[in-house]
Amino acid sequence: MMNISEFQTKDIVNVSDGKKLGSIGDFDINVTTGKIQAIIITGPGKMMGFFGREEEFVIPWRNIVKIGEDVILVRMSSQDTPL
């Protein structure tokens, strides 16, 4: 079993291109089943986070390829765009 706080310390990497997407900022949880539906990734903001809004990606749980000790590998296509 893994705590939510353990998830938030892991880097998120896209296996399609090897890019680091950011870290987990939030979860989408189904209140009926209690299962995680998606993870919400907060990426770096514009100008080193000082100006502009951070990009957010919603990654459905089914797109998670592997959860490792230090990283979570996800599969996102080039068609997926930030919120």
N, C-alpha and C. Protein backbone atom coordinates (compact mmCIF):
# COMPACT_ATOMS: atom_id res chain seq x y z
N MET A 1 0.84 -1.17 0.00
CA MET A 1 0.00 0.00 0.00
C MET A 1 0.89 1.24 0.00
N MET A 2 0.39 2.32 -0.61
CA MET A 2 1.16 3.55 -0.71
C MET A 2 0.27 4.73 -0.27
N ASN A 3 0.85 5.65 0.48
CA ASN A 3 0.13 6.85 0.91
C ASN A 3 0.14 7.90 -0.20
N ILE A 4 -0.85 8.79 -0.20
CA ILE A 4 -0.91 9.86 -1.19
C ILE A 4 0.33 10.75 -1.09
N SER A 5 0.81 10.99 0.11
CA SER A 5 1.99 11.84 0.28
C SER A 5 3.21 11.24 -0.42
N GLU A 6 3.28 9.92 -0.53
CA GLU A 6 4.39 9.28 -1.23
C GLU A 6 4.30 9.53 -2.74
N PHE A 7 3.10 9.59 -3.27
CA PHE A 7 2.90 9.89 -4.69
C PHE A 7 3.40 11.29 -5.02
N GLN A 8 3.15 12.23 -4.14
CA GLN A 8 3.45 13.63 -4.43
C GLN A 8 4.93 13.95 -4.46
N THR A 9 5.78 13.05 -4.00
CA THR A 9 7.22 13.29 -4.04
C THR A 9 7.86 12.74 -5.31
N LYS A 10 7.10 12.04 -6.13
CA LYS A 10 7.64 11.40 -7.33
C LYS A 10 7.55 12.33 -8.54
N ASP A 11 8.56 12.26 -9.41
CA ASP A 11 8.53 12.98 -10.68
C ASP A 11 7.66 12.21 -11.66
N ILE A 12 6.97 12.94 -12.53
CA ILE A 12 6.13 12.33 -13.56
C ILE A 12 6.86 12.47 -14.90
N VAL A 13 7.07 11.33 -15.58
CA VAL A 13 7.80 11.32 -16.85
C VAL A 13 6.93 10.67 -17.92
N ASN A 14 6.88 11.32 -19.09
CA ASN A 14 6.13 10.80 -20.24
C ASN A 14 7.01 9.80 -20.97
N VAL A 15 6.56 8.54 -21.07
CA VAL A 15 7.36 7.52 -21.74
C VAL A 15 7.40 7.72 -23.26
N SER A 16 6.48 8.50 -23.79
CA SER A 16 6.44 8.73 -25.24
C SER A 16 7.62 9.57 -25.73
N ASP A 17 8.06 10.55 -24.90
CA ASP A 17 9.18 11.40 -25.33
C ASP A 17 10.26 11.58 -24.25
N GLY A 18 10.08 10.98 -23.08
CA GLY A 18 11.08 11.06 -22.03
C GLY A 18 11.10 12.36 -21.25
N LYS A 19 10.13 13.25 -21.50
CA LYS A 19 10.12 14.55 -20.82
C LYS A 19 9.49 14.45 -19.44
N LYS A 20 10.08 15.21 -18.51
CA LYS A 20 9.51 15.34 -17.18
C LYS A 20 8.33 16.30 -17.28
N LEU A 21 7.17 15.87 -16.78
CA LEU A 21 5.95 16.68 -16.88
C LEU A 21 5.74 17.56 -15.67
N GLY A 22 6.27 17.17 -14.54
CA GLY A 22 6.07 17.93 -13.31
C GLY A 22 5.86 16.99 -12.15
N SER A 23 5.03 17.41 -11.22
CA SER A 23 4.73 16.58 -10.06
C SER A 23 3.23 16.59 -9.81
N ILE A 24 2.78 15.66 -9.00
CA ILE A 24 1.35 15.54 -8.73
C ILE A 24 0.91 16.71 -7.85
N GLY A 25 -0.10 17.42 -8.32
CA GLY A 25 -0.66 18.52 -7.56
C GLY A 25 -1.97 18.15 -6.90
N ASP A 26 -2.68 17.18 -7.51
CA ASP A 26 -3.99 16.82 -7.00
C ASP A 26 -4.40 15.47 -7.59
N PHE A 27 -5.48 14.93 -7.08
CA PHE A 27 -6.04 13.68 -7.55
C PHE A 27 -7.51 13.88 -7.86
N ASP A 28 -8.00 13.13 -8.84
CA ASP A 28 -9.44 13.06 -9.11
C ASP A 28 -9.89 11.70 -8.58
N ILE A 29 -10.69 11.72 -7.53
CA ILE A 29 -11.10 10.48 -6.86
C ILE A 29 -12.60 10.29 -7.04
N ASN A 30 -13.00 9.08 -7.42
CA ASN A 30 -14.41 8.72 -7.53
C ASN A 30 -14.93 8.55 -6.11
N VAL A 31 -15.86 9.41 -5.70
CA VAL A 31 -16.34 9.39 -4.32
C VAL A 31 -17.19 8.16 -4.02
N THR A 32 -17.75 7.54 -5.03
CA THR A 32 -18.56 6.34 -4.82
C THR A 32 -17.69 5.12 -4.54
N THR A 33 -16.63 4.94 -5.36
CA THR A 33 -15.78 3.76 -5.22
C THR A 33 -14.54 4.03 -4.37
N GLY A 34 -14.14 5.30 -4.23
CA GLY A 34 -12.94 5.64 -3.49
C GLY A 34 -11.67 5.42 -4.29
N LYS A 35 -11.79 5.11 -5.59
CA LYS A 35 -10.62 4.85 -6.43
C LYS A 35 -10.17 6.12 -7.13
N ILE A 36 -8.86 6.20 -7.37
CA ILE A 36 -8.29 7.34 -8.09
C ILE A 36 -8.66 7.21 -9.56
N GLN A 37 -9.28 8.24 -10.12
CA GLN A 37 -9.66 8.26 -11.53
C GLN A 37 -8.55 8.86 -12.38
N ALA A 38 -7.88 9.89 -11.84
CA ALA A 38 -6.85 10.59 -12.59
C ALA A 38 -5.92 11.30 -11.62
N ILE A 39 -4.72 11.62 -12.13
CA ILE A 39 -3.81 12.46 -11.37
C ILE A 39 -3.69 13.79 -12.11
N ILE A 40 -3.56 14.85 -11.36
CA ILE A 40 -3.43 16.18 -11.94
C ILE A 40 -2.00 16.65 -11.71
N ILE A 41 -1.31 16.92 -12.82
CA ILE A 41 0.10 17.27 -12.79
C ILE A 41 0.24 18.78 -12.92
N THR A 42 1.02 19.37 -12.03
CA THR A 42 1.34 20.79 -12.16
C THR A 42 2.73 20.91 -12.74
N GLY A 43 2.82 21.58 -13.86
CA GLY A 43 4.11 21.77 -14.52
C GLY A 43 4.70 23.11 -14.13
N PRO A 44 5.87 23.41 -14.65
CA PRO A 44 6.50 24.71 -14.33
C PRO A 44 5.72 25.86 -14.94
N GLY A 45 5.63 26.95 -14.22
CA GLY A 45 4.98 28.15 -14.74
C GLY A 45 5.88 28.90 -15.69
N LYS A 46 5.38 29.97 -16.26
CA LYS A 46 6.19 30.80 -17.17
C LYS A 46 7.21 31.58 -16.36
N MET A 47 8.35 31.83 -16.94
CA MET A 47 9.41 32.63 -16.31
C MET A 47 9.76 32.09 -14.93
N MET A 48 10.07 30.81 -14.86
CA MET A 48 10.49 30.15 -13.62
C MET A 48 9.45 30.25 -12.52
N GLY A 49 8.18 30.24 -12.90
CA GLY A 49 7.11 30.22 -11.92
C GLY A 49 6.70 31.56 -11.38
N PHE A 50 7.36 32.65 -11.80
CA PHE A 50 7.04 33.96 -11.26
C PHE A 50 5.86 34.61 -11.96
N PHE A 51 5.76 34.42 -13.26
CA PHE A 51 4.69 35.06 -14.03
C PHE A 51 3.87 33.99 -14.73
N GLY A 52 2.59 34.22 -14.80
CA GLY A 52 1.72 33.30 -15.51
C GLY A 52 1.26 32.15 -14.63
N ARG A 53 0.36 31.40 -15.16
CA ARG A 53 -0.25 30.28 -14.46
C ARG A 53 0.51 29.00 -14.80
N GLU A 54 0.62 28.10 -13.83
CA GLU A 54 1.24 26.82 -14.10
C GLU A 54 0.36 26.02 -15.04
N GLU A 55 1.00 25.24 -15.90
CA GLU A 55 0.26 24.33 -16.75
C GLU A 55 -0.21 23.16 -15.90
N GLU A 56 -1.39 22.65 -16.21
CA GLU A 56 -1.89 21.46 -15.53
C GLU A 56 -2.26 20.42 -16.57
N PHE A 57 -1.90 19.18 -16.28
CA PHE A 57 -2.26 18.05 -17.11
C PHE A 57 -3.11 17.10 -16.28
N VAL A 58 -4.21 16.63 -16.85
CA VAL A 58 -5.00 15.60 -16.20
C VAL A 58 -4.63 14.28 -16.88
N ILE A 59 -4.10 13.37 -16.10
CA ILE A 59 -3.66 12.08 -16.63
C ILE A 59 -4.60 11.01 -16.08
N PRO A 60 -5.41 10.39 -16.95
CA PRO A 60 -6.27 9.30 -16.48
C PRO A 60 -5.44 8.17 -15.88
N TRP A 61 -5.96 7.52 -14.87
CA TRP A 61 -5.24 6.46 -14.18
C TRP A 61 -4.81 5.36 -15.16
N ARG A 62 -5.60 5.11 -16.18
CA ARG A 62 -5.28 4.06 -17.16
C ARG A 62 -4.03 4.40 -17.98
N ASN A 63 -3.59 5.66 -17.98
CA ASN A 63 -2.40 6.08 -18.72
C ASN A 63 -1.12 5.92 -17.92
N ILE A 64 -1.23 5.52 -16.67
CA ILE A 64 -0.05 5.29 -15.86
C ILE A 64 0.54 3.94 -16.26
N VAL A 65 1.81 3.96 -16.66
CA VAL A 65 2.48 2.76 -17.13
C VAL A 65 3.14 2.02 -15.97
N LYS A 66 3.85 2.76 -15.11
CA LYS A 66 4.61 2.15 -14.03
C LYS A 66 4.82 3.16 -12.91
N ILE A 67 4.71 2.70 -11.68
CA ILE A 67 5.00 3.53 -10.52
C ILE A 67 6.25 2.96 -9.88
N GLY A 68 7.33 3.73 -9.91
CA GLY A 68 8.60 3.30 -9.34
C GLY A 68 8.88 4.00 -8.03
N GLU A 69 10.09 3.80 -7.51
CA GLU A 69 10.48 4.42 -6.24
C GLU A 69 10.55 5.93 -6.32
N ASP A 70 11.10 6.45 -7.45
CA ASP A 70 11.33 7.88 -7.58
C ASP A 70 10.52 8.54 -8.68
N VAL A 71 9.88 7.74 -9.52
CA VAL A 71 9.24 8.29 -10.71
C VAL A 71 7.95 7.52 -11.04
N ILE A 72 7.04 8.24 -11.67
CA ILE A 72 5.83 7.62 -12.20
C ILE A 72 5.88 7.81 -13.71
N LEU A 73 5.84 6.70 -14.44
CA LEU A 73 5.87 6.76 -15.90
C LEU A 73 4.45 6.77 -16.43
N VAL A 74 4.16 7.75 -17.30
CA VAL A 74 2.83 7.87 -17.89
C VAL A 74 2.96 7.91 -19.41
N ARG A 75 1.89 7.60 -20.09
CA ARG A 75 1.87 7.66 -21.54
C ARG A 75 0.89 8.75 -21.96
N MET A 76 1.47 9.82 -22.55
CA MET A 76 0.66 10.92 -23.08
C MET A 76 1.06 11.13 -24.53
N SER A 77 0.07 11.30 -25.39
CA SER A 77 0.38 11.55 -26.79
C SER A 77 0.59 13.04 -27.01
N SER A 78 1.08 13.39 -28.18
CA SER A 78 1.31 14.81 -28.51
C SER A 78 -0.01 15.56 -28.64
N GLN A 79 -1.12 14.83 -28.74
CA GLN A 79 -2.44 15.46 -28.86
C GLN A 79 -2.97 15.91 -27.51
N ASP A 80 -2.45 15.31 -26.43
CA ASP A 80 -2.88 15.72 -25.09
C ASP A 80 -2.33 17.09 -24.79
N THR A 81 -3.18 17.96 -24.29
CA THR A 81 -2.76 19.33 -24.03
C THR A 81 -3.02 19.70 -22.58
N PRO A 82 -2.29 20.67 -22.07
CA PRO A 82 -2.51 21.11 -20.69
C PRO A 82 -3.84 21.82 -20.56
N LEU A 83 -4.33 21.88 -19.32
CA LEU A 83 -5.58 22.59 -19.04
C LEU A 83 -5.32 24.09 -18.99
